[in-house]
Amino acid sequence: MRHDSRFWLESSGDGVSDAWEDSDGDGAFNIQEFMIGKNPANPHDFLGIQLRVSVEWDATDEELKYIKEAFMIASKYIFDYTDGHAFISKIEIYDNRQNRDYCHVRIHETYADPSKPRVVGFSFIGGYWFVKKYSRYTNFLVPWYCWRNATHFVNFCVVLTPVEISFEHVKEDVLYFAGVLGHELGHYVFWFYDEYKYFAGEYNTIKPWYIVPVMKDYTDEEQQELTDEGLLTVMGLGQAQLINGETMQELSTYEDYRNLKRILGGDKNITAQWFYWSGMGATNASTIVSLLQPWALFRPNLIDASCWASIIYAMNMPGVFIWGYLGIHFVLNGVVYAGFHPSISSYRPLPGPYTMVWLYMWLK
């Protein structure tokens, strides 16, 4: 393959080849955009996700190789489920807890939360962008808010955490590991909420001013029914974290939610994802934190709260959901989305793309 010689020059004086510069500030390096095919005939935007990873024990060379492989597959997975608009462009892995307070991801030898050994992973919604804004990776108090009624709210703080992964649960199957990473980065980067749990129609009163929604997990039988019906989403409808051969799961669409209601009924069709992005959680419930100040003046209230609708909305809201990045203009079936539009409700995700993005990742 011929390579444009200009990519191998160094013109900025920083000692880094122009090939590995990010000239347009989207997180994807020039050589990656060149190899993937961003050009005047295919001009759509990319988001290159750059991550620092702490391995929380003194890992063997084989374990480190396995972890790198999982991130490479996860990059392919993300590129697939965003229909070619995002991928992991750079990974820096630090062994034996080095730089752990400056990492987006922590991989624990046993359990991410020893008090909850069944938990495979967890992450902070939108945490990637809080890191960009505040240059803090963890242990940072993020203002949250909840509404007491339609006009009054209360501020309080939650602690910013990295993506936390239990290696014990993912060490035997690298495809499952990659699926978990794809799911957790969906929370951390794209502001998705879980779709394996639904709003039970009631609230718990933690304090007189703090009332939270009750969310319940779908049963194994219900998840199997969704799987049998072909309803598989990245954020948890169906058995969605497994990658078996070609990726079966996609970001949820409006049609998926119509099918969810048809399959399980109208009392189990409001997932956490739909609850928060539709604005159902705007009264007497903790709701979405954004980068906007003051936070309490902002509520999305999307008429379509599927993942495809919310990612287009969030990734085109600089200063609210993204920071230090202009946004992704999604090009889908020839339509350019520079923000939410109701026509996204008719979108059907594409198979692939099958570009080998993992070959171009910066691994350190």
Protein backbone atom coordinates (compact mmCIF):
# COMPACT_ATOMS: atom_id res chain seq x y z
CA MET A 1 0.00 0.00 0.00
CA ARG A 2 1.27 3.47 -0.86
CA HIS A 3 1.36 5.98 1.96
CA ASP A 4 1.28 9.73 1.48
CA SER A 5 4.83 10.80 2.36
CA ARG A 6 3.64 13.96 4.09
CA PHE A 7 2.38 11.85 6.98
CA TRP A 8 5.90 10.79 7.90
CA LEU A 9 7.28 14.34 8.16
CA GLU A 10 7.64 16.30 11.39
CA SER A 11 6.77 19.96 10.90
CA SER A 12 5.57 21.20 14.28
CA GLY A 13 8.89 21.00 16.12
CA ASP A 14 7.59 18.78 18.91
CA GLY A 15 9.48 15.66 17.82
CA VAL A 16 6.28 13.79 16.93
CA SER A 17 5.69 12.69 13.35
CA ASP A 18 2.86 14.55 11.64
CA ALA A 19 1.27 11.14 11.14
CA TRP A 20 0.65 10.98 14.89
CA GLU A 21 -0.55 14.55 15.34
CA ASP A 22 -4.23 15.35 15.79
CA SER A 23 -4.52 18.29 13.43
CA ASP A 24 -8.28 18.84 13.73
CA GLY A 25 -8.65 18.18 17.46
CA ASP A 26 -11.08 15.27 17.23
CA GLY A 27 -8.91 12.79 19.14
CA ALA A 28 -8.12 10.80 15.98
CA PHE A 29 -4.57 11.03 14.68
CA ASN A 30 -3.86 12.08 11.09
CA ILE A 31 -2.63 8.64 10.03
CA GLN A 32 -5.75 7.01 11.48
CA GLU A 33 -8.03 9.34 9.52
CA PHE A 34 -5.98 8.70 6.39
CA MET A 35 -6.12 4.91 6.78
CA ILE A 36 -9.81 4.84 7.70
CA GLY A 37 -10.62 6.98 4.70
CA LYS A 38 -11.63 10.44 5.89
CA ASN A 39 -11.30 12.53 2.75
CA PRO A 40 -13.34 15.01 0.69
CA ALA A 41 -15.42 12.15 -0.71
CA ASN A 42 -16.04 10.78 2.80
CA PRO A 43 -15.88 13.86 5.02
CA HIS A 44 -17.87 12.77 8.07
CA ASP A 45 -16.50 13.45 11.54
CA PHE A 46 -14.75 11.03 13.88
CA LEU A 47 -14.27 10.96 17.61
CA GLY A 48 -10.98 9.38 18.63
CA ILE A 49 -11.23 8.19 22.24
CA GLN A 50 -7.91 8.42 24.09
CA LEU A 51 -7.66 6.43 27.32
CA ARG A 52 -5.19 5.90 30.14
CA VAL A 53 -5.59 2.50 31.81
CA SER A 54 -4.40 1.37 35.24
CA VAL A 55 -3.87 -2.36 35.80
CA GLU A 56 -4.31 -2.65 39.56
CA TRP A 57 -1.82 -5.49 40.12
CA ASP A 58 1.57 -6.61 38.87
CA ALA A 59 0.26 -8.29 35.72
CA THR A 60 2.13 -10.88 33.68
CA ASP A 61 3.13 -10.21 30.08
CA GLU A 62 0.35 -12.55 28.95
CA GLU A 63 -2.23 -10.69 31.01
CA LEU A 64 -1.10 -7.35 29.59
CA LYS A 65 -1.25 -8.76 26.06
CA TYR A 66 -4.78 -10.03 26.75
CA ILE A 67 -5.88 -6.63 28.06
CA LYS A 68 -4.49 -4.89 24.98
CA GLU A 69 -6.33 -7.33 22.73
CA ALA A 70 -9.60 -6.58 24.54
CA PHE A 71 -9.19 -2.84 23.93
CA MET A 72 -8.39 -3.44 20.27
CA ILE A 73 -11.59 -5.46 19.82
CA ALA A 74 -13.54 -2.87 21.81
CA SER A 75 -12.34 -0.19 19.39
CA LYS A 76 -13.77 -2.23 16.51
CA TYR A 77 -17.01 -2.70 18.48
CA ILE A 78 -17.42 1.04 19.12
CA PHE A 79 -16.65 1.87 15.49
CA ASP A 80 -19.34 -0.64 14.53
CA TYR A 81 -22.07 0.51 16.90
CA THR A 82 -21.51 4.20 16.08
CA ASP A 83 -21.67 3.32 12.37
CA GLY A 84 -18.14 4.55 11.78
CA HIS A 85 -18.14 7.75 13.86
CA ALA A 86 -16.02 6.85 16.92
CA PHE A 87 -13.24 4.47 17.93
CA ILE A 88 -10.47 4.10 20.50
CA SER A 89 -7.51 5.91 19.00
CA LYS A 90 -4.97 5.66 21.82
CA ILE A 91 -4.39 3.47 24.87
CA GLU A 92 -1.74 4.02 27.52
CA ILE A 93 -1.56 1.05 29.90
CA TYR A 94 0.13 1.38 33.29
CA ASP A 95 0.93 -1.79 35.22
CA ASN A 96 0.82 -2.32 38.98
CA ARG A 97 -1.28 0.76 39.91
CA GLN A 98 1.11 3.24 38.35
CA ASN A 99 -0.54 6.60 37.62
CA ARG A 100 -3.86 5.18 38.81
CA ASP A 101 -5.15 8.61 39.82
CA TYR A 102 -4.58 9.81 36.24
CA CYS A 103 -6.35 6.99 34.43
CA HIS A 104 -9.76 6.77 32.79
CA VAL A 105 -9.99 3.01 33.34
CA ARG A 106 -8.97 0.80 36.26
CA ILE A 107 -8.84 -2.96 35.85
CA HIS A 108 -8.95 -4.82 39.16
CA GLU A 109 -7.40 -8.28 39.53
CA THR A 110 -10.48 -9.60 41.33
CA TYR A 111 -13.51 -7.33 41.81
CA ALA A 112 -14.07 -3.66 41.03
CA ASP A 113 -16.33 -3.45 44.10
CA PRO A 114 -15.44 -6.13 46.69
CA SER A 115 -18.74 -5.48 48.48
CA LYS A 116 -20.58 -6.44 45.27
CA PRO A 117 -18.60 -9.33 43.76
CA ARG A 118 -21.18 -9.97 41.03
CA VAL A 119 -20.56 -6.53 39.49
CA VAL A 120 -18.55 -6.84 36.28
CA GLY A 121 -17.98 -3.12 35.73
CA PHE A 122 -19.31 0.35 36.37
CA SER A 123 -18.59 3.89 35.25
CA PHE A 124 -19.57 7.54 35.61
CA ILE A 125 -22.04 8.87 33.04
CA GLY A 126 -20.15 11.36 30.85
CA GLY A 127 -17.00 11.02 32.96
CA TYR A 128 -14.70 11.26 29.91
CA TRP A 129 -15.78 14.88 29.34
CA PHE A 130 -15.56 15.89 33.01
CA VAL A 131 -11.93 14.75 32.87
CA LYS A 132 -11.36 16.94 29.82
CA LYS A 133 -12.98 19.96 31.47
CA TYR A 134 -11.48 19.72 34.94
CA SER A 135 -8.27 17.73 34.25
CA ARG A 136 -9.20 15.39 37.09
CA TYR A 137 -9.67 11.67 36.53
CA THR A 138 -11.18 10.63 39.83
CA ASN A 139 -12.09 11.73 43.37
CA PHE A 140 -13.58 14.97 42.06
CA LEU A 141 -16.91 16.20 43.42
CA VAL A 142 -19.33 16.73 40.54
CA PRO A 143 -22.45 18.81 41.26
CA TRP A 144 -25.61 16.79 40.68
CA TYR A 145 -29.14 18.01 41.17
CA CYS A 146 -32.61 16.71 41.74
CA TRP A 147 -35.95 18.41 41.40
CA ARG A 148 -38.19 18.87 44.45
CA ASN A 149 -41.07 19.83 42.18
CA ALA A 150 -41.57 21.39 38.77
CA THR A 151 -39.70 24.58 39.67
CA HIS A 152 -37.41 23.91 42.64
CA PHE A 153 -34.28 21.80 42.80
CA VAL A 154 -31.53 20.84 45.24
CA ASN A 155 -27.82 20.57 44.42
CA PHE A 156 -25.53 17.97 45.93
CA CYS A 157 -22.34 16.27 44.85
CA VAL A 158 -21.30 12.87 43.55
CA VAL A 159 -17.72 11.64 43.21
CA LEU A 160 -16.27 11.30 39.73
CA THR A 161 -15.01 7.75 39.21
CA PRO A 162 -13.16 6.10 36.33
CA VAL A 163 -14.39 3.05 34.46
CA GLU A 164 -13.90 0.15 36.90
CA ILE A 165 -13.60 -3.42 35.56
CA SER A 166 -13.48 -6.73 37.48
CA PHE A 167 -10.83 -8.81 35.71
CA GLU A 168 -12.08 -11.91 37.52
CA HIS A 169 -15.25 -11.78 35.40
CA VAL A 170 -13.63 -11.11 32.02
CA LYS A 171 -10.31 -12.99 32.08
CA GLU A 172 -11.56 -16.12 30.35
CA ASP A 173 -13.23 -14.61 27.27
CA VAL A 174 -11.62 -11.66 25.46
CA LEU A 175 -14.74 -11.06 23.36
CA TYR A 176 -16.85 -10.72 26.49
CA PHE A 177 -14.20 -8.41 27.96
CA ALA A 178 -14.38 -6.23 24.84
CA GLY A 179 -18.17 -6.19 25.07
CA VAL A 180 -18.00 -5.00 28.68
CA LEU A 181 -15.58 -2.24 27.67
CA GLY A 182 -17.87 -1.18 24.83
CA HIS A 183 -20.82 -1.02 27.23
CA GLU A 184 -18.99 0.89 29.98
CA LEU A 185 -17.47 3.35 27.52
CA GLY A 186 -21.00 3.90 26.24
CA HIS A 187 -21.75 5.32 29.70
CA TYR A 188 -18.44 7.10 30.14
CA VAL A 189 -18.06 8.73 26.71
CA PHE A 190 -21.52 8.85 25.11
CA TRP A 191 -23.75 9.53 28.16
CA PHE A 192 -25.83 6.37 27.74
CA TYR A 193 -27.80 4.91 30.63
CA ASP A 194 -28.50 1.21 31.16
CA GLU A 195 -31.13 -0.62 29.19
CA TYR A 196 -31.13 -3.84 31.21
CA LYS A 197 -33.20 -2.14 33.89
CA TYR A 198 -36.53 -0.36 33.75
CA PHE A 199 -38.44 2.23 35.76
CA ALA A 200 -40.81 0.41 38.12
CA GLY A 201 -43.21 3.37 38.34
CA GLU A 202 -42.35 4.41 41.89
CA TYR A 203 -39.78 6.39 43.86
CA ASN A 204 -37.77 5.90 47.05
CA THR A 205 -37.48 8.82 49.43
CA ILE A 206 -33.86 8.99 50.58
CA LYS A 207 -34.35 12.38 52.21
CA PRO A 208 -37.35 14.71 52.09
CA TRP A 209 -35.71 16.62 49.26
CA TYR A 210 -34.07 13.63 47.56
CA ILE A 211 -36.42 11.19 45.85
CA VAL A 212 -34.99 8.64 43.44
CA PRO A 213 -36.66 6.39 40.87
CA VAL A 214 -36.91 2.66 41.54
CA MET A 215 -35.21 0.73 38.75
CA LYS A 216 -35.54 -3.04 38.37
CA ASP A 217 -33.46 -5.43 36.28
CA TYR A 218 -35.17 -7.48 33.61
CA THR A 219 -35.28 -11.15 34.59
CA ASP A 220 -33.17 -13.73 32.76
CA GLU A 221 -36.36 -15.07 31.19
CA GLU A 222 -37.34 -11.63 29.94
CA GLN A 223 -33.87 -11.01 28.57
CA GLN A 224 -33.96 -14.36 26.77
CA GLU A 225 -37.33 -13.43 25.27
CA LEU A 226 -35.85 -10.17 23.97
CA THR A 227 -32.87 -12.07 22.57
CA ASP A 228 -35.14 -14.55 20.81
CA GLU A 229 -37.01 -11.63 19.25
CA GLY A 230 -33.72 -10.17 18.00
CA LEU A 231 -33.82 -7.19 20.35
CA LEU A 232 -30.15 -6.77 21.26
CA THR A 233 -28.67 -3.43 22.30
CA VAL A 234 -25.26 -2.29 23.44
CA MET A 235 -26.63 -0.94 26.72
CA GLY A 236 -28.39 -4.08 27.82
CA LEU A 237 -31.61 -5.13 26.09
CA GLY A 238 -31.23 -8.86 25.43
CA GLN A 239 -27.97 -10.69 26.08
CA ALA A 240 -26.09 -7.78 24.61
CA GLN A 241 -22.59 -7.80 26.04
CA LEU A 242 -21.39 -10.85 24.15
CA ILE A 243 -19.69 -10.43 20.80
CA ASN A 244 -20.00 -13.71 18.96
CA GLY A 245 -18.55 -13.56 15.47
CA GLU A 246 -20.14 -10.55 13.81
CA THR A 247 -21.53 -8.01 16.24
CA MET A 248 -25.24 -8.63 16.77
CA GLN A 249 -26.07 -5.76 19.12
CA GLU A 250 -26.48 -2.14 18.10
CA LEU A 251 -27.37 1.16 19.71
CA SER A 252 -31.06 1.22 20.49
CA THR A 253 -33.51 2.91 18.13
CA TYR A 254 -37.05 4.21 18.45
CA GLU A 255 -38.24 1.01 16.76
CA ASP A 256 -36.50 -1.06 19.45
CA TYR A 257 -38.59 0.68 22.10
CA ARG A 258 -41.79 0.03 20.17
CA ASN A 259 -40.81 -3.63 20.05
CA LEU A 260 -39.90 -3.62 23.75
CA LYS A 261 -43.40 -2.45 24.60
CA ARG A 262 -44.91 -5.07 22.29
CA ILE A 263 -42.86 -7.90 23.82
CA LEU A 264 -42.92 -7.05 27.55
CA GLY A 265 -45.85 -4.67 27.83
CA GLY A 266 -46.31 -1.02 28.71
CA ASP A 267 -45.22 -1.33 32.33
CA LYS A 268 -41.66 -2.46 31.50
CA ASN A 269 -40.74 -0.37 28.47
CA ILE A 270 -39.15 2.64 30.20
CA THR A 271 -35.48 1.77 30.59
CA ALA A 272 -33.09 3.94 32.59
CA GLN A 273 -31.86 5.29 29.25
CA TRP A 274 -35.35 6.35 28.21
CA PHE A 275 -36.28 7.59 31.70
CA TYR A 276 -33.49 10.13 31.94
CA TRP A 277 -33.20 11.30 28.33
CA SER A 278 -36.94 11.69 27.84
CA GLY A 279 -37.20 14.00 30.83
CA MET A 280 -39.37 11.63 32.86
CA GLY A 281 -36.78 12.02 35.60
CA ALA A 282 -37.04 15.81 35.74
CA THR A 283 -39.43 16.00 38.68
CA ASN A 284 -38.66 14.48 42.09
CA ALA A 285 -35.75 12.47 40.75
CA SER A 286 -32.04 12.85 40.21
CA THR A 287 -31.48 13.65 36.57
CA ILE A 288 -28.74 14.11 34.01
CA VAL A 289 -25.61 15.97 35.05
CA SER A 290 -24.16 18.11 32.29
CA LEU A 291 -21.08 20.31 31.93
CA LEU A 292 -23.36 23.33 31.74
CA GLN A 293 -23.44 25.80 34.62
CA PRO A 294 -25.89 26.15 36.26
CA TRP A 295 -26.77 22.51 35.72
CA ALA A 296 -30.32 22.80 36.99
CA LEU A 297 -31.45 24.95 34.09
CA PHE A 298 -30.83 22.16 31.61
CA ARG A 299 -33.15 19.24 30.80
CA PRO A 300 -33.11 17.39 27.45
CA ASN A 301 -36.73 16.10 27.29
CA LEU A 302 -36.19 14.17 24.04
CA ILE A 303 -39.29 12.81 22.33
CA ASP A 304 -37.10 9.91 21.19
CA ALA A 305 -34.81 8.85 24.05
CA SER A 306 -33.17 5.85 22.36
CA CYS A 307 -29.38 5.68 22.29
CA TRP A 308 -29.17 6.77 18.65
CA ALA A 309 -31.22 9.86 19.40
CA SER A 310 -29.34 10.75 22.59
CA ILE A 311 -25.85 10.28 21.12
CA ILE A 312 -26.63 12.65 18.25
CA TYR A 313 -28.00 15.16 20.74
CA ALA A 314 -25.18 14.87 23.30
CA MET A 315 -22.28 14.74 20.85
CA ASN A 316 -23.40 18.04 19.31
CA MET A 317 -23.73 20.03 22.54
CA PRO A 318 -20.31 21.59 23.30
CA GLY A 319 -20.10 22.90 26.84
CA VAL A 320 -23.09 20.82 27.88
CA PHE A 321 -22.15 17.20 27.13
CA ILE A 322 -18.77 17.50 25.41
CA TRP A 323 -15.72 19.61 26.22
CA GLY A 324 -12.72 20.62 24.13
CA TYR A 325 -14.35 19.10 21.07
CA LEU A 326 -16.66 20.66 18.48
CA GLY A 327 -18.84 17.59 18.06
CA ILE A 328 -19.74 14.86 15.60
CA HIS A 329 -21.88 15.64 12.58
CA PHE A 330 -23.29 12.17 12.01
CA VAL A 331 -23.72 11.16 8.37
CA LEU A 332 -26.37 8.42 8.30
CA ASN A 333 -27.82 7.15 5.03
CA GLY A 334 -26.81 10.37 3.35
CA VAL A 335 -28.43 12.59 6.00
CA VAL A 336 -26.20 14.89 8.06
CA TYR A 337 -27.23 15.25 11.72
CA ALA A 338 -25.67 18.27 13.41
CA GLY A 339 -28.06 17.81 16.33
CA PHE A 340 -31.24 16.01 17.25
CA HIS A 341 -33.96 15.80 14.58
CA PRO A 342 -37.14 13.68 14.81
CA SER A 343 -36.19 11.87 11.59
CA ILE A 344 -33.61 9.90 13.57
CA SER A 345 -36.55 7.84 14.86
CA SER A 346 -36.77 6.10 11.49
CA TYR A 347 -33.04 5.23 11.37
CA ARG A 348 -32.00 1.59 11.17
CA PRO A 349 -28.37 0.82 12.14
CA LEU A 350 -26.09 -0.48 9.44
CA PRO A 351 -24.09 -3.72 9.56
CA GLY A 352 -20.42 -3.00 9.99
CA PRO A 353 -18.48 -0.95 9.01
CA TYR A 354 -15.76 -3.54 8.85
CA THR A 355 -12.76 -1.19 8.73
CA MET A 356 -9.84 -2.63 10.69
CA VAL A 357 -9.53 0.34 13.06
CA TRP A 358 -7.76 -1.74 15.71
CA LEU A 359 -4.69 -1.95 13.47
CA TYR A 360 -4.19 1.82 13.69
CA MET A 361 -4.52 2.24 17.45
CA TRP A 362 -1.70 3.94 19.34
CA LEU A 363 -0.78 1.37 22.00
CA LYS A 364 1.61 2.44 24.71
